[in-house]
Amino acid sequence: MPRKKIKVLLVDDHPIVREGLKAHLANQPDVQVVEEAGDGLEALRKASATQPDVILLDLTMPHMNGLETIARLRKKLPQAKILVLTMHDNREYITQSIRLGARGYLRKDTSPAELVRAIKAVYAGELFLDSAASRVLADELQRGTKPGAPEPPLLSDRERQVLVLIAEGLSNKEVADRLGIGVRTAETHRERLMRKLNIRTVAGLTRFAIARGMVPLEPGSAPTSQPTL
């Protein structure tokens, strides 16, 4: 009796990445790419149609970011295992991906052999993390923050961009200029961030961004000053 192949759905907004992944996985006797998607909304539709065993998912995509896609896929197809394949290795992406239900986390510089091992591992119900994700998760556990603990509300890609720029000390006008939006729009994003995260000051937003690994904390510096708005 032939062995059951692991059905994989590829989700990445770059066609060349999907083609490369398909070409490599086509050589794996235990793996079958059943469909591909270029964004989160398309992933939801095609996952429902194909019922994949493993969903190989990027985090930075148009229309719906990867974190929201993970959350919605877990509700729609709880039996499917989600394996994140991304260029991001900061604390926020790693911890939120795992908390939302991803069973694996790899950077895109991973080796082809490790990718196949990860697919097989998450399909078998194991948690598969690369070295960066393993360090972050170990640190979270040492702090007493469990992967299943409550997490702040998901931020949109634009809110995340604004938060990073605020944490870097940019004023509302500078944020607006950098992102090509109006000053009032930048102010609205800042106010929405404060409401979502229950943070009342810009210094608090800065500390949150640093704690989540969204911006580096330079040696000798401390996030106590508040930029001029």
N, C-alpha and C. Protein backbone atom coordinates (compact mmCIF):
# COMPACT_ATOMS: atom_id res chain seq x y z
N MET A 1 0.86 -1.20 0.00
CA MET A 1 0.00 0.00 0.00
C MET A 1 0.89 1.25 0.00
N PRO A 2 0.69 2.19 -0.95
CA PRO A 2 1.55 3.38 -1.02
C PRO A 2 1.39 4.26 0.22
N ARG A 3 2.51 4.86 0.62
CA ARG A 3 2.48 5.75 1.78
C ARG A 3 1.71 7.03 1.46
N LYS A 4 0.99 7.52 2.47
CA LYS A 4 0.25 8.75 2.30
C LYS A 4 1.21 9.93 2.20
N LYS A 5 1.01 10.76 1.20
CA LYS A 5 1.84 11.95 1.05
C LYS A 5 1.31 13.08 1.91
N ILE A 6 2.23 13.90 2.40
CA ILE A 6 1.86 15.07 3.19
C ILE A 6 1.42 16.17 2.23
N LYS A 7 0.17 16.58 2.31
CA LYS A 7 -0.35 17.61 1.42
C LYS A 7 0.03 18.99 1.95
N VAL A 8 0.70 19.76 1.09
CA VAL A 8 1.24 21.07 1.51
C VAL A 8 0.63 22.18 0.68
N LEU A 9 0.21 23.25 1.37
CA LEU A 9 -0.23 24.48 0.71
C LEU A 9 0.87 25.52 0.91
N LEU A 10 1.36 26.12 -0.19
CA LEU A 10 2.38 27.15 -0.13
C LEU A 10 1.73 28.53 -0.14
N VAL A 11 2.12 29.38 0.80
CA VAL A 11 1.55 30.73 0.87
C VAL A 11 2.69 31.75 0.97
N ASP A 12 2.92 32.47 -0.13
CA ASP A 12 3.96 33.49 -0.19
C ASP A 12 3.60 34.45 -1.31
N ASP A 13 3.85 35.74 -1.11
CA ASP A 13 3.45 36.71 -2.12
C ASP A 13 4.46 36.85 -3.26
N HIS A 14 5.56 36.11 -3.21
CA HIS A 14 6.56 36.17 -4.29
C HIS A 14 6.50 34.89 -5.13
N PRO A 15 6.06 34.98 -6.38
CA PRO A 15 5.97 33.79 -7.23
C PRO A 15 7.28 33.03 -7.35
N ILE A 16 8.41 33.74 -7.38
CA ILE A 16 9.68 33.06 -7.55
C ILE A 16 10.01 32.20 -6.33
N VAL A 17 9.57 32.64 -5.15
CA VAL A 17 9.77 31.84 -3.94
C VAL A 17 8.91 30.58 -4.00
N ARG A 18 7.65 30.74 -4.41
CA ARG A 18 6.77 29.58 -4.52
C ARG A 18 7.29 28.59 -5.54
N GLU A 19 7.79 29.08 -6.67
CA GLU A 19 8.32 28.18 -7.70
C GLU A 19 9.51 27.39 -7.17
N GLY A 20 10.39 28.09 -6.44
CA GLY A 20 11.55 27.41 -5.88
C GLY A 20 11.17 26.34 -4.87
N LEU A 21 10.21 26.66 -4.03
CA LEU A 21 9.75 25.69 -3.04
C LEU A 21 9.09 24.49 -3.72
N LYS A 22 8.26 24.76 -4.73
CA LYS A 22 7.61 23.66 -5.45
C LYS A 22 8.64 22.75 -6.11
N ALA A 23 9.66 23.36 -6.72
CA ALA A 23 10.67 22.57 -7.41
C ALA A 23 11.41 21.66 -6.44
N HIS A 24 11.73 22.18 -5.26
CA HIS A 24 12.44 21.36 -4.28
C HIS A 24 11.54 20.27 -3.71
N LEU A 25 10.31 20.63 -3.34
CA LEU A 25 9.43 19.65 -2.71
C LEU A 25 8.94 18.60 -3.69
N ALA A 26 8.98 18.90 -4.98
CA ALA A 26 8.58 17.91 -5.99
C ALA A 26 9.49 16.69 -5.97
N ASN A 27 10.70 16.85 -5.45
CA ASN A 27 11.64 15.74 -5.37
C ASN A 27 11.50 14.91 -4.11
N GLN A 28 10.54 15.28 -3.26
CA GLN A 28 10.35 14.57 -1.99
C GLN A 28 9.21 13.56 -2.13
N PRO A 29 9.50 12.28 -2.00
CA PRO A 29 8.45 11.26 -2.22
C PRO A 29 7.31 11.31 -1.22
N ASP A 30 7.55 11.90 -0.04
CA ASP A 30 6.51 11.92 1.00
C ASP A 30 5.71 13.22 1.03
N VAL A 31 6.03 14.15 0.13
CA VAL A 31 5.42 15.47 0.18
C VAL A 31 4.78 15.80 -1.17
N GLN A 32 3.59 16.39 -1.12
CA GLN A 32 2.90 16.82 -2.34
C GLN A 32 2.37 18.23 -2.16
N VAL A 33 2.80 19.15 -3.03
CA VAL A 33 2.26 20.50 -3.01
C VAL A 33 0.93 20.46 -3.74
N VAL A 34 -0.15 20.72 -3.00
CA VAL A 34 -1.49 20.59 -3.59
C VAL A 34 -2.01 21.91 -4.14
N GLU A 35 -1.46 23.03 -3.65
CA GLU A 35 -1.94 24.33 -4.12
C GLU A 35 -1.00 25.41 -3.61
N GLU A 36 -1.12 26.62 -4.14
CA GLU A 36 -0.32 27.75 -3.70
C GLU A 36 -1.19 28.99 -3.66
N ALA A 37 -0.77 29.96 -2.84
CA ALA A 37 -1.53 31.20 -2.68
C ALA A 37 -0.55 32.36 -2.52
N GLY A 38 -0.97 33.55 -2.98
CA GLY A 38 -0.11 34.71 -2.94
C GLY A 38 -0.42 35.68 -1.81
N ASP A 39 -1.48 35.42 -1.05
CA ASP A 39 -1.81 36.28 0.09
C ASP A 39 -2.71 35.52 1.05
N GLY A 40 -3.00 36.13 2.20
CA GLY A 40 -3.76 35.45 3.22
C GLY A 40 -5.19 35.12 2.83
N LEU A 41 -5.85 36.03 2.13
CA LEU A 41 -7.24 35.78 1.71
C LEU A 41 -7.32 34.60 0.75
N GLU A 42 -6.38 34.57 -0.20
CA GLU A 42 -6.34 33.45 -1.14
C GLU A 42 -6.02 32.15 -0.41
N ALA A 43 -5.15 32.24 0.60
CA ALA A 43 -4.79 31.06 1.39
C ALA A 43 -6.02 30.47 2.08
N LEU A 44 -6.87 31.32 2.63
CA LEU A 44 -8.09 30.83 3.30
C LEU A 44 -8.98 30.08 2.32
N ARG A 45 -9.16 30.65 1.12
CA ARG A 45 -10.01 29.99 0.12
C ARG A 45 -9.42 28.65 -0.31
N LYS A 46 -8.13 28.64 -0.61
CA LYS A 46 -7.53 27.42 -1.15
C LYS A 46 -7.31 26.36 -0.08
N ALA A 47 -7.13 26.80 1.16
CA ALA A 47 -7.02 25.82 2.24
C ALA A 47 -8.35 25.10 2.44
N SER A 48 -9.44 25.82 2.34
CA SER A 48 -10.76 25.20 2.47
C SER A 48 -11.01 24.20 1.35
N ALA A 49 -10.54 24.54 0.16
CA ALA A 49 -10.78 23.68 -1.00
C ALA A 49 -9.91 22.44 -1.01
N THR A 50 -8.67 22.55 -0.53
CA THR A 50 -7.72 21.44 -0.66
C THR A 50 -7.48 20.66 0.64
N GLN A 51 -7.87 21.24 1.78
CA GLN A 51 -7.67 20.58 3.08
C GLN A 51 -6.23 20.06 3.25
N PRO A 52 -5.25 20.95 3.22
CA PRO A 52 -3.85 20.52 3.33
C PRO A 52 -3.52 20.01 4.73
N ASP A 53 -2.48 19.19 4.79
CA ASP A 53 -1.98 18.73 6.09
C ASP A 53 -1.08 19.79 6.72
N VAL A 54 -0.28 20.44 5.87
CA VAL A 54 0.67 21.45 6.34
C VAL A 54 0.53 22.70 5.47
N ILE A 55 0.52 23.86 6.12
CA ILE A 55 0.47 25.13 5.40
C ILE A 55 1.78 25.85 5.64
N LEU A 56 2.56 26.03 4.58
CA LEU A 56 3.85 26.71 4.65
C LEU A 56 3.60 28.19 4.37
N LEU A 57 3.81 29.05 5.37
CA LEU A 57 3.26 30.40 5.35
C LEU A 57 4.30 31.49 5.59
N ASP A 58 4.30 32.49 4.71
CA ASP A 58 5.10 33.70 4.92
C ASP A 58 4.32 34.63 5.85
N LEU A 59 4.99 35.61 6.46
CA LEU A 59 4.32 36.53 7.36
C LEU A 59 4.00 37.88 6.74
N THR A 60 4.83 38.34 5.81
CA THR A 60 4.63 39.66 5.21
C THR A 60 3.97 39.51 3.85
N MET A 61 2.67 39.78 3.82
CA MET A 61 1.91 39.60 2.59
C MET A 61 0.87 40.71 2.45
N PRO A 62 0.40 40.98 1.23
CA PRO A 62 -0.65 41.99 1.05
C PRO A 62 -2.01 41.48 1.49
N HIS A 63 -2.94 42.42 1.68
CA HIS A 63 -4.35 42.14 1.96
C HIS A 63 -4.60 41.64 3.39
N MET A 64 -3.79 40.70 3.84
CA MET A 64 -3.94 40.18 5.20
C MET A 64 -2.58 39.69 5.66
N ASN A 65 -2.08 40.24 6.79
CA ASN A 65 -0.73 39.83 7.20
C ASN A 65 -0.72 38.39 7.71
N GLY A 66 0.48 37.85 7.83
CA GLY A 66 0.62 36.44 8.18
C GLY A 66 0.07 36.08 9.54
N LEU A 67 0.19 36.98 10.51
CA LEU A 67 -0.30 36.68 11.85
C LEU A 67 -1.83 36.55 11.86
N GLU A 68 -2.50 37.46 11.19
CA GLU A 68 -3.96 37.36 11.10
C GLU A 68 -4.36 36.11 10.31
N THR A 69 -3.56 35.79 9.28
CA THR A 69 -3.84 34.59 8.49
C THR A 69 -3.73 33.34 9.35
N ILE A 70 -2.71 33.27 10.21
CA ILE A 70 -2.56 32.13 11.11
C ILE A 70 -3.80 31.98 11.98
N ALA A 71 -4.23 33.10 12.59
CA ALA A 71 -5.38 33.06 13.49
C ALA A 71 -6.63 32.56 12.76
N ARG A 72 -6.85 33.04 11.54
CA ARG A 72 -8.07 32.66 10.82
C ARG A 72 -7.98 31.23 10.28
N LEU A 73 -6.78 30.81 9.88
CA LEU A 73 -6.61 29.43 9.42
C LEU A 73 -6.84 28.45 10.57
N ARG A 74 -6.38 28.80 11.76
CA ARG A 74 -6.55 27.91 12.91
C ARG A 74 -8.03 27.72 13.25
N LYS A 75 -8.82 28.77 13.06
CA LYS A 75 -10.26 28.65 13.31
C LYS A 75 -10.95 27.85 12.21
N LYS A 76 -10.50 28.07 10.98
CA LYS A 76 -11.16 27.45 9.83
C LYS A 76 -10.74 25.99 9.64
N LEU A 77 -9.43 25.72 9.84
CA LEU A 77 -8.90 24.37 9.64
C LEU A 77 -8.00 24.00 10.83
N PRO A 78 -8.60 23.71 11.98
CA PRO A 78 -7.79 23.44 13.18
C PRO A 78 -6.88 22.22 13.04
N GLN A 79 -7.22 21.31 12.11
CA GLN A 79 -6.41 20.12 11.96
C GLN A 79 -5.13 20.36 11.15
N ALA A 80 -5.09 21.43 10.36
CA ALA A 80 -3.92 21.73 9.53
C ALA A 80 -2.79 22.27 10.40
N LYS A 81 -1.57 21.86 10.09
CA LYS A 81 -0.40 22.34 10.83
C LYS A 81 0.23 23.51 10.05
N ILE A 82 0.51 24.59 10.75
CA ILE A 82 1.06 25.79 10.11
C ILE A 82 2.54 25.89 10.40
N LEU A 83 3.33 26.01 9.34
CA LEU A 83 4.78 26.16 9.44
C LEU A 83 5.15 27.51 8.83
N VAL A 84 5.67 28.41 9.65
CA VAL A 84 6.04 29.74 9.18
C VAL A 84 7.41 29.68 8.52
N LEU A 85 7.51 30.27 7.33
CA LEU A 85 8.79 30.39 6.62
C LEU A 85 8.92 31.86 6.24
N THR A 86 9.83 32.57 6.90
CA THR A 86 9.86 34.03 6.78
C THR A 86 11.28 34.55 6.89
N MET A 87 11.45 35.83 6.54
CA MET A 87 12.75 36.47 6.73
C MET A 87 12.85 37.12 8.11
N HIS A 88 11.74 37.18 8.85
CA HIS A 88 11.71 37.86 10.15
C HIS A 88 12.16 36.94 11.27
N ASP A 89 13.01 37.47 12.15
CA ASP A 89 13.42 36.68 13.31
C ASP A 89 13.32 37.49 14.60
N ASN A 90 12.45 38.52 14.60
CA ASN A 90 12.32 39.30 15.84
C ASN A 90 11.32 38.64 16.79
N ARG A 91 11.42 39.04 18.05
CA ARG A 91 10.66 38.39 19.13
C ARG A 91 9.16 38.46 18.90
N GLU A 92 8.65 39.59 18.45
CA GLU A 92 7.20 39.74 18.29
C GLU A 92 6.64 38.73 17.30
N TYR A 93 7.26 38.62 16.14
CA TYR A 93 6.75 37.69 15.13
C TYR A 93 6.80 36.25 15.62
N ILE A 94 7.92 35.89 16.26
CA ILE A 94 8.08 34.51 16.72
C ILE A 94 7.05 34.16 17.78
N THR A 95 6.97 34.98 18.83
CA THR A 95 6.06 34.65 19.93
C THR A 95 4.60 34.70 19.50
N GLN A 96 4.23 35.69 18.71
CA GLN A 96 2.84 35.76 18.27
C GLN A 96 2.49 34.60 17.35
N SER A 97 3.40 34.20 16.48
CA SER A 97 3.13 33.06 15.59
C SER A 97 2.84 31.81 16.38
N ILE A 98 3.67 31.54 17.39
CA ILE A 98 3.50 30.32 18.19
C ILE A 98 2.23 30.43 19.04
N ARG A 99 1.99 31.59 19.63
CA ARG A 99 0.78 31.76 20.46
C ARG A 99 -0.49 31.59 19.63
N LEU A 100 -0.43 32.02 18.39
CA LEU A 100 -1.63 31.93 17.54
C LEU A 100 -1.85 30.52 16.99
N GLY A 101 -0.84 29.65 17.15
CA GLY A 101 -1.06 28.26 16.76
C GLY A 101 -0.12 27.68 15.72
N ALA A 102 0.87 28.44 15.26
CA ALA A 102 1.85 27.87 14.33
C ALA A 102 2.62 26.77 15.04
N ARG A 103 2.93 25.70 14.31
CA ARG A 103 3.66 24.56 14.90
C ARG A 103 5.14 24.57 14.52
N GLY A 104 5.54 25.53 13.70
CA GLY A 104 6.95 25.62 13.33
C GLY A 104 7.29 27.02 12.87
N TYR A 105 8.58 27.35 12.99
CA TYR A 105 9.03 28.69 12.60
C TYR A 105 10.44 28.58 12.05
N LEU A 106 10.59 28.95 10.76
CA LEU A 106 11.89 28.90 10.09
C LEU A 106 12.15 30.21 9.36
N ARG A 107 13.42 30.61 9.33
CA ARG A 107 13.80 31.72 8.47
C ARG A 107 14.04 31.21 7.06
N LYS A 108 13.97 32.13 6.10
CA LYS A 108 14.10 31.73 4.70
C LYS A 108 15.52 31.34 4.30
N ASP A 109 16.49 31.55 5.19
CA ASP A 109 17.84 31.10 4.88
C ASP A 109 18.09 29.68 5.38
N THR A 110 17.01 29.00 5.78
CA THR A 110 17.14 27.61 6.22
C THR A 110 17.56 26.71 5.05
N SER A 111 18.15 25.59 5.35
CA SER A 111 18.56 24.67 4.29
C SER A 111 17.37 23.88 3.76
N PRO A 112 17.42 23.43 2.50
CA PRO A 112 16.31 22.63 1.96
C PRO A 112 16.04 21.38 2.79
N ALA A 113 17.11 20.74 3.29
CA ALA A 113 16.93 19.52 4.08
C ALA A 113 16.19 19.84 5.38
N GLU A 114 16.53 20.97 6.01
CA GLU A 114 15.85 21.33 7.27
C GLU A 114 14.39 21.65 7.02
N LEU A 115 14.09 22.28 5.88
CA LEU A 115 12.70 22.57 5.55
C LEU A 115 11.88 21.28 5.47
N VAL A 116 12.42 20.28 4.81
CA VAL A 116 11.71 18.99 4.70
C VAL A 116 11.53 18.35 6.07
N ARG A 117 12.57 18.41 6.90
CA ARG A 117 12.46 17.87 8.26
C ARG A 117 11.36 18.59 9.04
N ALA A 118 11.30 19.91 8.85
CA ALA A 118 10.29 20.70 9.56
C ALA A 118 8.88 20.32 9.12
N ILE A 119 8.67 20.16 7.83
CA ILE A 119 7.36 19.77 7.32
C ILE A 119 6.93 18.44 7.92
N LYS A 120 7.84 17.48 7.94
CA LYS A 120 7.51 16.16 8.48
C LYS A 120 7.27 16.21 9.98
N ALA A 121 8.05 17.06 10.66
CA ALA A 121 7.91 17.16 12.12
C ALA A 121 6.57 17.77 12.52
N VAL A 122 6.20 18.89 11.89
CA VAL A 122 4.93 19.52 12.28
C VAL A 122 3.74 18.63 11.87
N TYR A 123 3.87 17.94 10.76
CA TYR A 123 2.82 17.01 10.34
C TYR A 123 2.62 15.92 11.39
N ALA A 124 3.72 15.51 12.03
CA ALA A 124 3.67 14.47 13.06
C ALA A 124 3.22 15.02 14.42
N GLY A 125 2.94 16.33 14.46
CA GLY A 125 2.47 16.92 15.71
C GLY A 125 3.55 17.53 16.58
N GLU A 126 4.78 17.58 16.07
CA GLU A 126 5.87 18.14 16.84
C GLU A 126 5.98 19.65 16.61
N LEU A 127 6.68 20.32 17.52
CA LEU A 127 7.00 21.74 17.37
C LEU A 127 8.40 21.83 16.80
N PHE A 128 8.56 22.56 15.67
CA PHE A 128 9.86 22.64 15.01
C PHE A 128 10.27 24.11 14.90
N LEU A 129 11.37 24.49 15.56
CA LEU A 129 11.82 25.87 15.57
C LEU A 129 13.28 25.95 15.13
N ASP A 130 13.61 27.00 14.38
CA ASP A 130 15.02 27.21 14.06
C ASP A 130 15.72 27.77 15.30
N SER A 131 17.04 28.02 15.18
CA SER A 131 17.82 28.41 16.35
C SER A 131 17.34 29.73 16.96
N ALA A 132 17.02 30.72 16.11
CA ALA A 132 16.58 32.02 16.63
C ALA A 132 15.26 31.88 17.37
N ALA A 133 14.31 31.16 16.78
CA ALA A 133 13.01 30.98 17.42
C ALA A 133 13.14 30.17 18.71
N SER A 134 14.02 29.19 18.72
CA SER A 134 14.23 28.40 19.94
C SER A 134 14.75 29.26 21.08
N ARG A 135 15.69 30.17 20.77
CA ARG A 135 16.23 31.05 21.80
C ARG A 135 15.15 31.97 22.36
N VAL A 136 14.33 32.53 21.47
CA VAL A 136 13.26 33.43 21.91
C VAL A 136 12.27 32.68 22.80
N LEU A 137 11.86 31.49 22.37
CA LEU A 137 10.88 30.72 23.14
C LEU A 137 11.46 30.32 24.50
N ALA A 138 12.73 29.94 24.53
CA ALA A 138 13.37 29.58 25.80
C ALA A 138 13.41 30.78 26.74
N ASP A 139 13.69 31.95 26.18
CA ASP A 139 13.73 33.17 26.97
C ASP A 139 12.35 33.49 27.53
N GLU A 140 11.31 33.32 26.71
CA GLU A 140 9.96 33.58 27.17
C GLU A 140 9.59 32.65 28.33
N LEU A 141 9.98 31.38 28.22
CA LEU A 141 9.67 30.42 29.27
C LEU A 141 10.44 30.73 30.55
N GLN A 142 11.69 31.16 30.41
CA GLN A 142 12.47 31.53 31.59
C GLN A 142 11.87 32.73 32.30
N ARG A 143 11.27 33.63 31.53
CA ARG A 143 10.62 34.80 32.13
C ARG A 143 9.30 34.43 32.80
N GLY A 144 8.85 33.22 32.53
CA GLY A 144 7.56 32.82 33.08
C GLY A 144 6.41 33.16 32.17
N THR A 145 6.70 33.55 30.93
CA THR A 145 5.65 33.87 29.95
C THR A 145 5.43 32.64 29.08
N LYS A 146 4.33 31.95 29.29
CA LYS A 146 4.07 30.73 28.55
C LYS A 146 3.52 31.04 27.16
N PRO A 147 3.83 30.16 26.16
CA PRO A 147 3.35 30.42 24.80
C PRO A 147 1.85 30.57 24.69
N GLY A 148 1.08 29.99 25.62
CA GLY A 148 -0.37 30.09 25.54
C GLY A 148 -0.95 31.26 26.32
N ALA A 149 -0.08 32.09 26.89
CA ALA A 149 -0.56 33.22 27.70
C ALA A 149 -1.22 34.27 26.82
N PRO A 150 -2.11 35.10 27.41
CA PRO A 150 -2.77 36.14 26.62
C PRO A 150 -1.77 37.07 25.97
N GLU A 151 -2.06 37.46 24.75
CA GLU A 151 -1.17 38.32 23.96
C GLU A 151 -1.90 39.61 23.62
N PRO A 152 -1.18 40.73 23.53
CA PRO A 152 -1.84 41.97 23.12
C PRO A 152 -2.52 41.81 21.77
N PRO A 153 -3.51 42.65 21.46
CA PRO A 153 -4.22 42.54 20.19
C PRO A 153 -3.27 42.58 18.99
N LEU A 154 -3.66 41.88 17.94
CA LEU A 154 -2.85 41.90 16.72
C LEU A 154 -2.80 43.29 16.13
N LEU A 155 -1.63 43.67 15.65
CA LEU A 155 -1.47 44.96 15.00
C LEU A 155 -1.45 44.77 13.49
N SER A 156 -2.03 45.72 12.78
CA SER A 156 -1.95 45.69 11.32
C SER A 156 -0.52 46.03 10.90
N ASP A 157 -0.19 45.76 9.64
CA ASP A 157 1.13 46.09 9.14
C ASP A 157 1.41 47.58 9.29
N ARG A 158 0.42 48.43 9.00
CA ARG A 158 0.61 49.88 9.11
C ARG A 158 0.81 50.29 10.57
N GLU A 159 0.02 49.70 11.48
CA GLU A 159 0.20 50.02 12.90
C GLU A 159 1.58 49.61 13.38
N ARG A 160 2.05 48.47 12.90
CA ARG A 160 3.39 48.01 13.29
C ARG A 160 4.45 48.98 12.77
N GLN A 161 4.30 49.46 11.53
CA GLN A 161 5.24 50.42 10.97
C GLN A 161 5.26 51.71 11.79
N VAL A 162 4.07 52.20 12.13
CA VAL A 162 3.98 53.44 12.92
C VAL A 162 4.61 53.24 14.29
N LEU A 163 4.34 52.11 14.92
CA LEU A 163 4.90 51.84 16.24
C LEU A 163 6.42 51.83 16.22
N VAL A 164 6.99 51.20 15.21
CA VAL A 164 8.45 51.15 15.10
C VAL A 164 9.03 52.56 14.94
N LEU A 165 8.41 53.37 14.10
CA LEU A 165 8.91 54.73 13.88
C LEU A 165 8.77 55.59 15.13
N ILE A 166 7.67 55.42 15.86
CA ILE A 166 7.51 56.14 17.12
C ILE A 166 8.61 55.73 18.09
N ALA A 167 8.86 54.43 18.17
CA ALA A 167 9.89 53.93 19.08
C ALA A 167 11.28 54.42 18.69
N GLU A 168 11.46 54.72 17.41
CA GLU A 168 12.75 55.26 16.96
C GLU A 168 12.87 56.75 17.21
N GLY A 169 11.81 57.35 17.78
CA GLY A 169 11.88 58.75 18.19
C GLY A 169 11.33 59.74 17.19
N LEU A 170 10.65 59.28 16.15
CA LEU A 170 10.12 60.20 15.14
C LEU A 170 8.84 60.87 15.64
N SER A 171 8.67 62.13 15.28
CA SER A 171 7.45 62.86 15.60
C SER A 171 6.34 62.43 14.65
N ASN A 172 5.11 62.88 14.95
CA ASN A 172 4.00 62.57 14.05
C ASN A 172 4.26 63.04 12.63
N LYS A 173 4.80 64.23 12.48
CA LYS A 173 5.09 64.77 11.15
C LYS A 173 6.14 63.92 10.44
N GLU A 174 7.18 63.51 11.19
CA GLU A 174 8.23 62.69 10.59
C GLU A 174 7.70 61.31 10.21
N VAL A 175 6.82 60.75 11.04
CA VAL A 175 6.19 59.47 10.71
C VAL A 175 5.37 59.62 9.43
N ALA A 176 4.60 60.71 9.36
CA ALA A 176 3.78 60.96 8.17
C ALA A 176 4.63 61.08 6.92
N ASP A 177 5.73 61.84 7.01
CA ASP A 177 6.62 62.02 5.85
C ASP A 177 7.24 60.70 5.43
N ARG A 178 7.66 59.91 6.41
CA ARG A 178 8.32 58.64 6.09
C ARG A 178 7.37 57.66 5.40
N LEU A 179 6.12 57.64 5.83
CA LEU A 179 5.16 56.67 5.31
C LEU A 179 4.29 57.22 4.17
N GLY A 180 4.44 58.53 3.89
CA GLY A 180 3.65 59.11 2.82
C GLY A 180 2.19 59.24 3.17
N ILE A 181 1.90 59.55 4.44
CA ILE A 181 0.52 59.73 4.87
C ILE A 181 0.37 61.12 5.50
N GLY A 182 -0.85 61.54 5.78
CA GLY A 182 -1.08 62.82 6.41
C GLY A 182 -0.72 62.81 7.88
N VAL A 183 -0.42 63.98 8.43
CA VAL A 183 -0.07 64.08 9.85
C VAL A 183 -1.23 63.62 10.71
N ARG A 184 -2.45 64.01 10.34
CA ARG A 184 -3.61 63.59 11.12
C ARG A 184 -3.77 62.08 11.11
N THR A 185 -3.47 61.46 9.96
CA THR A 185 -3.55 60.00 9.87
C THR A 185 -2.52 59.36 10.80
N ALA A 186 -1.32 59.93 10.84
CA ALA A 186 -0.28 59.42 11.74
C ALA A 186 -0.73 59.54 13.20
N GLU A 187 -1.35 60.68 13.54
CA GLU A 187 -1.85 60.88 14.89
C GLU A 187 -2.93 59.85 15.23
N THR A 188 -3.80 59.57 14.25
CA THR A 188 -4.87 58.59 14.47
C THR A 188 -4.29 57.20 14.72
N HIS A 189 -3.27 56.83 13.96
CA HIS A 189 -2.62 55.53 14.17
C HIS A 189 -2.03 55.45 15.57
N ARG A 190 -1.38 56.54 16.01
CA ARG A 190 -0.78 56.55 17.34
C ARG A 190 -1.85 56.39 18.41
N GLU A 191 -2.96 57.11 18.27
CA GLU A 191 -4.04 57.02 19.25
C GLU A 191 -4.65 55.62 19.27
N ARG A 192 -4.79 55.02 18.08
CA ARG A 192 -5.35 53.66 18.00
C ARG A 192 -4.41 52.65 18.66
N LEU A 193 -3.10 52.83 18.45
CA LEU A 193 -2.13 51.95 19.11
C LEU A 193 -2.25 52.03 20.62
N MET A 194 -2.37 53.24 21.13
CA MET A 194 -2.48 53.40 22.58
C MET A 194 -3.73 52.72 23.13
N ARG A 195 -4.84 52.83 22.39
CA ARG A 195 -6.08 52.18 22.83
C ARG A 195 -5.95 50.67 22.77
N LYS A 196 -5.42 50.16 21.66
CA LYS A 196 -5.29 48.71 21.48
C LYS A 196 -4.40 48.09 22.56
N LEU A 197 -3.29 48.75 22.83
CA LEU A 197 -2.29 48.19 23.74
C LEU A 197 -2.48 48.64 25.18
N ASN A 198 -3.49 49.51 25.41
CA ASN A 198 -3.74 50.05 26.74
C ASN A 198 -2.49 50.73 27.30
N ILE A 199 -1.86 51.55 26.47
CA ILE A 199 -0.66 52.29 26.83
C ILE A 199 -0.98 53.78 26.67
N ARG A 200 -0.59 54.58 27.64
CA ARG A 200 -1.02 55.97 27.64
C ARG A 200 0.03 56.97 27.17
N THR A 201 1.29 56.55 27.05
CA THR A 201 2.35 57.49 26.69
C THR A 201 3.17 56.96 25.53
N VAL A 202 3.85 57.89 24.86
CA VAL A 202 4.76 57.50 23.78
C VAL A 202 5.93 56.69 24.34
N ALA A 203 6.40 57.07 25.53
CA ALA A 203 7.48 56.31 26.16
C ALA A 203 7.05 54.86 26.40
N GLY A 204 5.77 54.68 26.77
CA GLY A 204 5.26 53.33 26.96
C GLY A 204 5.21 52.54 25.67
N LEU A 205 4.82 53.20 24.59
CA LEU A 205 4.85 52.53 23.28
C LEU A 205 6.27 52.12 22.92
N THR A 206 7.22 53.00 23.22
CA THR A 206 8.62 52.70 22.92
C THR A 206 9.09 51.48 23.70
N ARG A 207 8.76 51.44 24.99
CA ARG A 207 9.17 50.29 25.81
C ARG A 207 8.53 49.00 25.29
N PHE A 208 7.26 49.10 24.87
CA PHE A 208 6.58 47.91 24.34
C PHE A 208 7.30 47.41 23.09
N ALA A 209 7.62 48.32 22.16
CA ALA A 209 8.28 47.93 20.91
C ALA A 209 9.64 47.28 21.18
N ILE A 210 10.38 47.83 22.13
CA ILE A 210 11.69 47.26 22.45
C ILE A 210 11.53 45.89 23.10
N ALA A 211 10.57 45.76 24.02
CA ALA A 211 10.35 44.48 24.70
C ALA A 211 9.94 43.39 23.73
N ARG A 212 9.22 43.77 22.66
CA ARG A 212 8.79 42.78 21.67
C ARG A 212 9.84 42.53 20.60
N GLY A 213 11.00 43.17 20.71
CA GLY A 213 12.06 42.95 19.74
C GLY A 213 11.83 43.63 18.41
N MET A 214 10.94 44.65 18.38
CA MET A 214 10.63 45.33 17.12
C MET A 214 11.70 46.35 16.76
N VAL A 215 12.37 46.90 17.77
CA VAL A 215 13.48 47.83 17.55
C VAL A 215 14.58 47.47 18.54
N PRO A 216 15.84 47.66 18.16
CA PRO A 216 16.93 47.32 19.07
C PRO A 216 17.10 48.37 20.16
N LEU A 217 17.56 47.93 21.31
CA LEU A 217 17.91 48.85 22.38
C LEU A 217 19.42 49.01 22.38
N GLU A 218 19.90 50.21 22.04
CA GLU A 218 21.33 50.42 21.94
C GLU A 218 21.97 50.36 23.31
N PRO A 219 23.22 49.86 23.41
CA PRO A 219 23.89 49.77 24.68
C PRO A 219 23.94 51.13 25.37
N GLY A 220 23.55 51.15 26.66
CA GLY A 220 23.64 52.37 27.43
C GLY A 220 22.43 53.26 27.30
N SER A 221 21.48 52.90 26.44
CA SER A 221 20.29 53.73 26.28
C SER A 221 19.14 53.15 27.06
N ALA A 222 18.15 53.95 27.30
CA ALA A 222 16.95 53.48 28.01
C ALA A 222 15.75 54.20 27.43
N PRO A 223 14.64 53.48 27.25
CA PRO A 223 13.47 54.07 26.62
C PRO A 223 12.63 54.89 27.59
N THR A 224 13.21 55.96 28.13
CA THR A 224 12.48 56.75 29.11
C THR A 224 12.07 58.11 28.58
N SER A 225 12.76 58.60 27.56
CA SER A 225 12.43 59.92 27.03
C SER A 225 11.26 59.84 26.08
N GLN A 226 10.53 60.92 25.96
CA GLN A 226 9.37 60.98 25.08
C GLN A 226 9.64 61.94 23.95
N PRO A 227 9.58 61.48 22.69
CA PRO A 227 9.86 62.36 21.57
C PRO A 227 8.85 63.49 21.47
N THR A 228 9.30 64.57 20.88
CA THR A 228 8.41 65.72 20.68
C THR A 228 7.39 65.42 19.61
N LEU A 229 6.13 65.68 19.90
CA LEU A 229 5.05 65.43 18.95
C LEU A 229 4.49 66.73 18.43
